[in-house]
């Protein structure tokens, strides 16, 4: 046999088997078609109702779990907010104490520089009140930059 006749035989055999199965199913069916369709519809309705009930039960359980878990989340959130606020207060205190320390150090350095300038001028034999320093004296200008280290705070 050739390939074409083998494929044709397979298709014809499949069609013959389907026809025999359909005829046997109609002759041997325990109920009529209307009864079978009604039973299938009832089974589908029952399955749909069970699926809806399962969905509703599941959603109730999930909502209950969420509502049980929510106070824990809220408490943890409040706790974290309190810690953040405390950290901000500490940062403000540290910034203020650092600004005070920088200002005090700046004043100390300015006073020391002034003392050194006075000492150098005294050793050089010049008067600090002279309008122009002589070529042998040292003149030190001290600038007060207390506000240079301040930063504005934005939130």
C-alpha atoms as a PDB file:
ATOM      1  CA  UNK A   1       0.000   0.000   0.000  1.00  0.00           C
ATOM      2  CA  UNK A   2       1.083   3.495  -0.677  1.00  0.00           C
ATOM      3  CA  UNK A   3       1.243   6.314   1.836  1.00  0.00           C
ATOM      4  CA  UNK A   4      -1.905   8.019   0.464  1.00  0.00           C
ATOM      5  CA  UNK A   5      -4.117   4.972   0.895  1.00  0.00           C
ATOM      6  CA  UNK A   6      -2.819   4.339   4.427  1.00  0.00           C
ATOM      7  CA  UNK A   7      -3.759   7.886   5.534  1.00  0.00           C
ATOM      8  CA  UNK A   8      -7.163   7.593   3.862  1.00  0.00           C
ATOM      9  CA  UNK A   9      -7.822   4.302   5.630  1.00  0.00           C
ATOM     10  CA  UNK A  10      -6.968   5.847   8.979  1.00  0.00           C
ATOM     11  CA  UNK A  11      -9.355   8.771   8.438  1.00  0.00           C
ATOM     12  CA  UNK A  12     -12.163   6.437   7.267  1.00  0.00           C
ATOM     13  CA  UNK A  13     -11.586   4.160  10.262  1.00  0.00           C
ATOM     14  CA  UNK A  14     -11.752   7.149  12.630  1.00  0.00           C
ATOM     15  CA  UNK A  15     -15.030   8.358  11.119  1.00  0.00           C
ATOM     16  CA  UNK A  16     -16.522   4.847  11.254  1.00  0.00           C
ATOM     17  CA  UNK A  17     -15.510   4.476  14.925  1.00  0.00           C
ATOM     18  CA  UNK A  18     -17.041   7.848  15.841  1.00  0.00           C
ATOM     19  CA  UNK A  19     -20.311   6.955  14.132  1.00  0.00           C
ATOM     20  CA  UNK A  20     -20.493   3.571  15.851  1.00  0.00           C
ATOM     21  CA  UNK A  21     -19.759   5.200  19.223  1.00  0.00           C
ATOM     22  CA  UNK A  22     -22.480   7.839  18.742  1.00  0.00           C
ATOM     23  CA  UNK A  23     -25.066   5.212  17.770  1.00  0.00           C
ATOM     24  CA  UNK A  24     -24.098   2.976  20.690  1.00  0.00           C
ATOM     25  CA  UNK A  25     -24.288   5.934  23.080  1.00  0.00           C
ATOM     26  CA  UNK A  26     -27.813   6.838  21.960  1.00  0.00           C
ATOM     27  CA  UNK A  27     -29.050   3.264  22.133  1.00  0.00           C
ATOM     28  CA  UNK A  28     -27.481   2.459  25.477  1.00  0.00           C
ATOM     29  CA  UNK A  29     -28.030   5.804  27.320  1.00  0.00           C
ATOM     30  CA  UNK A  30     -29.888   5.276  30.621  1.00  0.00           C
ATOM     31  CA  UNK A  31     -31.817   8.590  30.328  1.00  0.00           C
ATOM     32  CA  UNK A  32     -33.242  10.795  27.662  1.00  0.00           C
ATOM     33  CA  UNK A  33     -31.289  13.814  26.335  1.00  0.00           C
ATOM     34  CA  UNK A  34     -33.473  16.298  28.236  1.00  0.00           C
ATOM     35  CA  UNK A  35     -32.899  14.467  31.521  1.00  0.00           C
ATOM     36  CA  UNK A  36     -29.151  14.276  30.911  1.00  0.00           C
ATOM     37  CA  UNK A  37     -28.966  18.016  30.105  1.00  0.00           C
ATOM     38  CA  UNK A  38     -30.988  18.855  33.247  1.00  0.00           C
ATOM     39  CA  UNK A  39     -28.656  16.737  35.383  1.00  0.00           C
ATOM     40  CA  UNK A  40     -25.593  18.401  33.825  1.00  0.00           C
ATOM     41  CA  UNK A  41     -27.106  21.862  34.439  1.00  0.00           C
ATOM     42  CA  UNK A  42     -27.815  20.955  38.079  1.00  0.00           C
ATOM     43  CA  UNK A  43     -24.268  19.681  38.536  1.00  0.00           C
ATOM     44  CA  UNK A  44     -22.861  22.909  37.034  1.00  0.00           C
ATOM     45  CA  UNK A  45     -25.099  25.063  39.265  1.00  0.00           C
ATOM     46  CA  UNK A  46     -23.994  23.117  42.338  1.00  0.00           C
ATOM     47  CA  UNK A  47     -20.341  23.501  41.357  1.00  0.00           C
ATOM     48  CA  UNK A  48     -20.851  27.273  40.811  1.00  0.00           C
ATOM     49  CA  UNK A  49     -22.576  27.643  44.191  1.00  0.00           C
ATOM     50  CA  UNK A  50     -19.751  25.727  45.893  1.00  0.00           C
ATOM     51  CA  UNK A  51     -17.161  27.969  44.203  1.00  0.00           C
ATOM     52  CA  UNK A  52     -19.005  31.127  45.315  1.00  0.00           C
ATOM     53  CA  UNK A  53     -19.291  29.814  48.883  1.00  0.00           C
ATOM     54  CA  UNK A  54     -15.597  28.927  48.943  1.00  0.00           C
ATOM     55  CA  UNK A  55     -14.702  32.407  47.659  1.00  0.00           C
ATOM     56  CA  UNK A  56     -16.851  34.095  50.308  1.00  0.00           C
ATOM     57  CA  UNK A  57     -15.389  31.932  53.092  1.00  0.00           C
ATOM     58  CA  UNK A  58     -11.870  32.642  51.864  1.00  0.00           C
ATOM     59  CA  UNK A  59     -12.464  36.384  51.644  1.00  0.00           C
ATOM     60  CA  UNK A  60     -13.902  36.408  55.188  1.00  0.00           C
ATOM     61  CA  UNK A  61     -10.846  34.553  56.489  1.00  0.00           C
ATOM     62  CA  UNK A  62      -8.483  36.939  54.686  1.00  0.00           C
ATOM     63  CA  UNK A  63     -10.349  39.998  55.978  1.00  0.00           C
ATOM     64  CA  UNK A  64     -10.275  38.588  59.512  1.00  0.00           C
ATOM     65  CA  UNK A  65      -6.530  37.955  59.289  1.00  0.00           C
ATOM     66  CA  UNK A  66      -5.919  41.461  57.921  1.00  0.00           C
ATOM     67  CA  UNK A  67      -8.013  43.009  60.689  1.00  0.00           C
ATOM     68  CA  UNK A  68      -6.155  40.930  63.293  1.00  0.00           C
ATOM     69  CA  UNK A  69      -2.777  41.968  61.841  1.00  0.00           C
ATOM     70  CA  UNK A  70      -3.581  45.688  61.382  1.00  0.00           C
ATOM     71  CA  UNK A  71      -3.163  46.694  65.078  1.00  0.00           C
ATOM     72  CA  UNK A  72       0.307  45.140  65.117  1.00  0.00           C
ATOM     73  CA  UNK A  73       1.270  47.087  61.996  1.00  0.00           C
ATOM     74  CA  UNK A  74      -0.154  50.307  63.428  1.00  0.00           C
ATOM     75  CA  UNK A  75       1.696  49.798  66.722  1.00  0.00           C
ATOM     76  CA  UNK A  76       4.964  49.106  64.910  1.00  0.00           C
ATOM     77  CA  UNK A  77       4.441  52.166  62.706  1.00  0.00           C
ATOM     78  CA  UNK A  78       3.821  54.371  65.751  1.00  0.00           C
ATOM     79  CA  UNK A  79       6.915  52.940  67.435  1.00  0.00           C
ATOM     80  CA  UNK A  80       9.064  53.679  64.380  1.00  0.00           C
ATOM     81  CA  UNK A  81       7.681  57.217  64.104  1.00  0.00           C
ATOM     82  CA  UNK A  82       8.539  57.843  67.765  1.00  0.00           C
ATOM     83  CA  UNK A  83      12.090  56.583  67.190  1.00  0.00           C
ATOM     84  CA  UNK A  84      12.466  58.831  64.143  1.00  0.00           C
ATOM     85  CA  UNK A  85      11.232  61.844  66.099  1.00  0.00           C
ATOM     86  CA  UNK A  86      13.664  61.053  68.925  1.00  0.00           C
ATOM     87  CA  UNK A  87      16.516  60.743  66.423  1.00  0.00           C
ATOM     88  CA  UNK A  88      15.577  64.112  64.909  1.00  0.00           C
ATOM     89  CA  UNK A  89      15.605  65.719  68.363  1.00  0.00           C
ATOM     90  CA  UNK A  90      19.022  64.229  69.093  1.00  0.00           C
ATOM     91  CA  UNK A  91      20.331  65.489  65.742  1.00  0.00           C
ATOM     92  CA  UNK A  92      19.034  68.989  66.561  1.00  0.00           C
ATOM     93  CA  UNK A  93      20.730  68.854  69.971  1.00  0.00           C
ATOM     94  CA  UNK A  94      23.984  67.661  68.429  1.00  0.00           C
ATOM     95  CA  UNK A  95      23.843  70.376  65.772  1.00  0.00           C
ATOM     96  CA  UNK A  96      23.224  73.041  68.416  1.00  0.00           C
ATOM     97  CA  UNK A  97      26.049  71.789  70.655  1.00  0.00           C
ATOM     98  CA  UNK A  98      28.381  71.588  67.636  1.00  0.00           C
ATOM     99  CA  UNK A  99      27.490  75.148  66.639  1.00  0.00           C
ATOM    100  CA  UNK A 100      28.166  76.294  70.209  1.00  0.00           C
ATOM    101  CA  UNK A 101      31.501  74.458  70.261  1.00  0.00           C
ATOM    102  CA  UNK A 102      32.518  75.958  66.903  1.00  0.00           C
ATOM    103  CA  UNK A 103      31.568  79.452  68.092  1.00  0.00           C
ATOM    104  CA  UNK A 104      33.501  79.024  71.354  1.00  0.00           C
ATOM    105  CA  UNK A 105      36.525  77.652  69.517  1.00  0.00           C
ATOM    106  CA  UNK A 106      36.353  80.493  67.014  1.00  0.00           C
ATOM    107  CA  UNK A 107      36.322  83.027  69.843  1.00  0.00           C
ATOM    108  CA  UNK A 108      39.258  81.272  71.526  1.00  0.00           C
ATOM    109  CA  UNK A 109      41.255  81.220  68.299  1.00  0.00           C
ATOM    110  CA  UNK A 110      40.446  84.896  67.623  1.00  0.00           C
ATOM    111  CA  UNK A 111      41.577  85.852  71.132  1.00  0.00           C
ATOM    112  CA  UNK A 112      44.747  83.786  70.800  1.00  0.00           C
ATOM    113  CA  UNK A 113      45.520  85.336  67.421  1.00  0.00           C
ATOM    114  CA  UNK A 114      44.983  88.794  68.875  1.00  0.00           C
ATOM    115  CA  UNK A 115      47.270  87.968  71.803  1.00  0.00           C
ATOM    116  CA  UNK A 116      49.937  86.662  69.433  1.00  0.00           C
ATOM    117  CA  UNK A 117      49.641  89.795  67.293  1.00  0.00           C
ATOM    118  CA  UNK A 118      49.957  91.979  70.384  1.00  0.00           C
ATOM    119  CA  UNK A 119      52.981  90.013  71.534  1.00  0.00           C
ATOM    120  CA  UNK A 120      54.636  90.185  68.127  1.00  0.00           C
ATOM    121  CA  UNK A 121      53.988  93.930  67.908  1.00  0.00           C
ATOM    122  CA  UNK A 122      55.326  94.424  71.424  1.00  0.00           C
ATOM    123  CA  UNK A 123      58.472  92.469  70.643  1.00  0.00           C
ATOM    124  CA  UNK A 124      58.963  94.364  67.403  1.00  0.00           C
ATOM    125  CA  UNK A 125      58.718  97.615  69.331  1.00  0.00           C
ATOM    126  CA  UNK A 126      55.751  99.061  67.488  1.00  0.00           C
ATOM    127  CA  UNK A 127      52.515 100.381  68.818  1.00  0.00           C
ATOM    128  CA  UNK A 128      49.384  98.555  67.712  1.00  0.00           C
ATOM    129  CA  UNK A 129      47.527 101.829  67.348  1.00  0.00           C
ATOM    130  CA  UNK A 130      49.835 103.087  64.575  1.00  0.00           C
ATOM    131  CA  UNK A 131      48.071 103.869  61.343  1.00  0.00           C
ATOM    132  CA  UNK A 132      50.422 101.861  59.130  1.00  0.00           C
ATOM    133  CA  UNK A 133      52.521  99.004  60.343  1.00  0.00           C
ATOM    134  CA  UNK A 134      56.233  99.403  59.836  1.00  0.00           C
ATOM    135  CA  UNK A 135      58.178  97.057  57.652  1.00  0.00           C
ATOM    136  CA  UNK A 136      59.426  95.077  60.638  1.00  0.00           C
ATOM    137  CA  UNK A 137      56.088  94.541  62.364  1.00  0.00           C
ATOM    138  CA  UNK A 138      53.447  91.923  61.801  1.00  0.00           C
ATOM    139  CA  UNK A 139      49.818  92.850  61.434  1.00  0.00           C
ATOM    140  CA  UNK A 140      47.106  90.166  61.843  1.00  0.00           C
ATOM    141  CA  UNK A 141      43.498  90.793  60.856  1.00  0.00           C
ATOM    142  CA  UNK A 142      40.965  88.532  62.579  1.00  0.00           C
ATOM    143  CA  UNK A 143      37.627  88.088  60.869  1.00  0.00           C
ATOM    144  CA  UNK A 144      34.664  86.863  62.851  1.00  0.00           C
ATOM    145  CA  UNK A 145      32.735  84.296  60.754  1.00  0.00           C
ATOM    146  CA  UNK A 146      30.344  82.943  63.334  1.00  0.00           C
ATOM    147  CA  UNK A 147      27.515  82.622  60.825  1.00  0.00           C
ATOM    148  CA  UNK A 148      29.620  80.787  58.199  1.00  0.00           C
ATOM    149  CA  UNK A 149      28.968  77.382  59.783  1.00  0.00           C
ATOM    150  CA  UNK A 150      25.215  77.855  60.214  1.00  0.00           C
ATOM    151  CA  UNK A 151      22.982  76.020  57.786  1.00  0.00           C
ATOM    152  CA  UNK A 152      19.340  76.613  57.246  1.00  0.00           C
ATOM    153  CA  UNK A 153      17.066  73.723  58.000  1.00  0.00           C
ATOM    154  CA  UNK A 154      14.525  72.698  55.418  1.00  0.00           C
ATOM    155  CA  UNK A 155      11.885  70.042  55.820  1.00  0.00           C
END
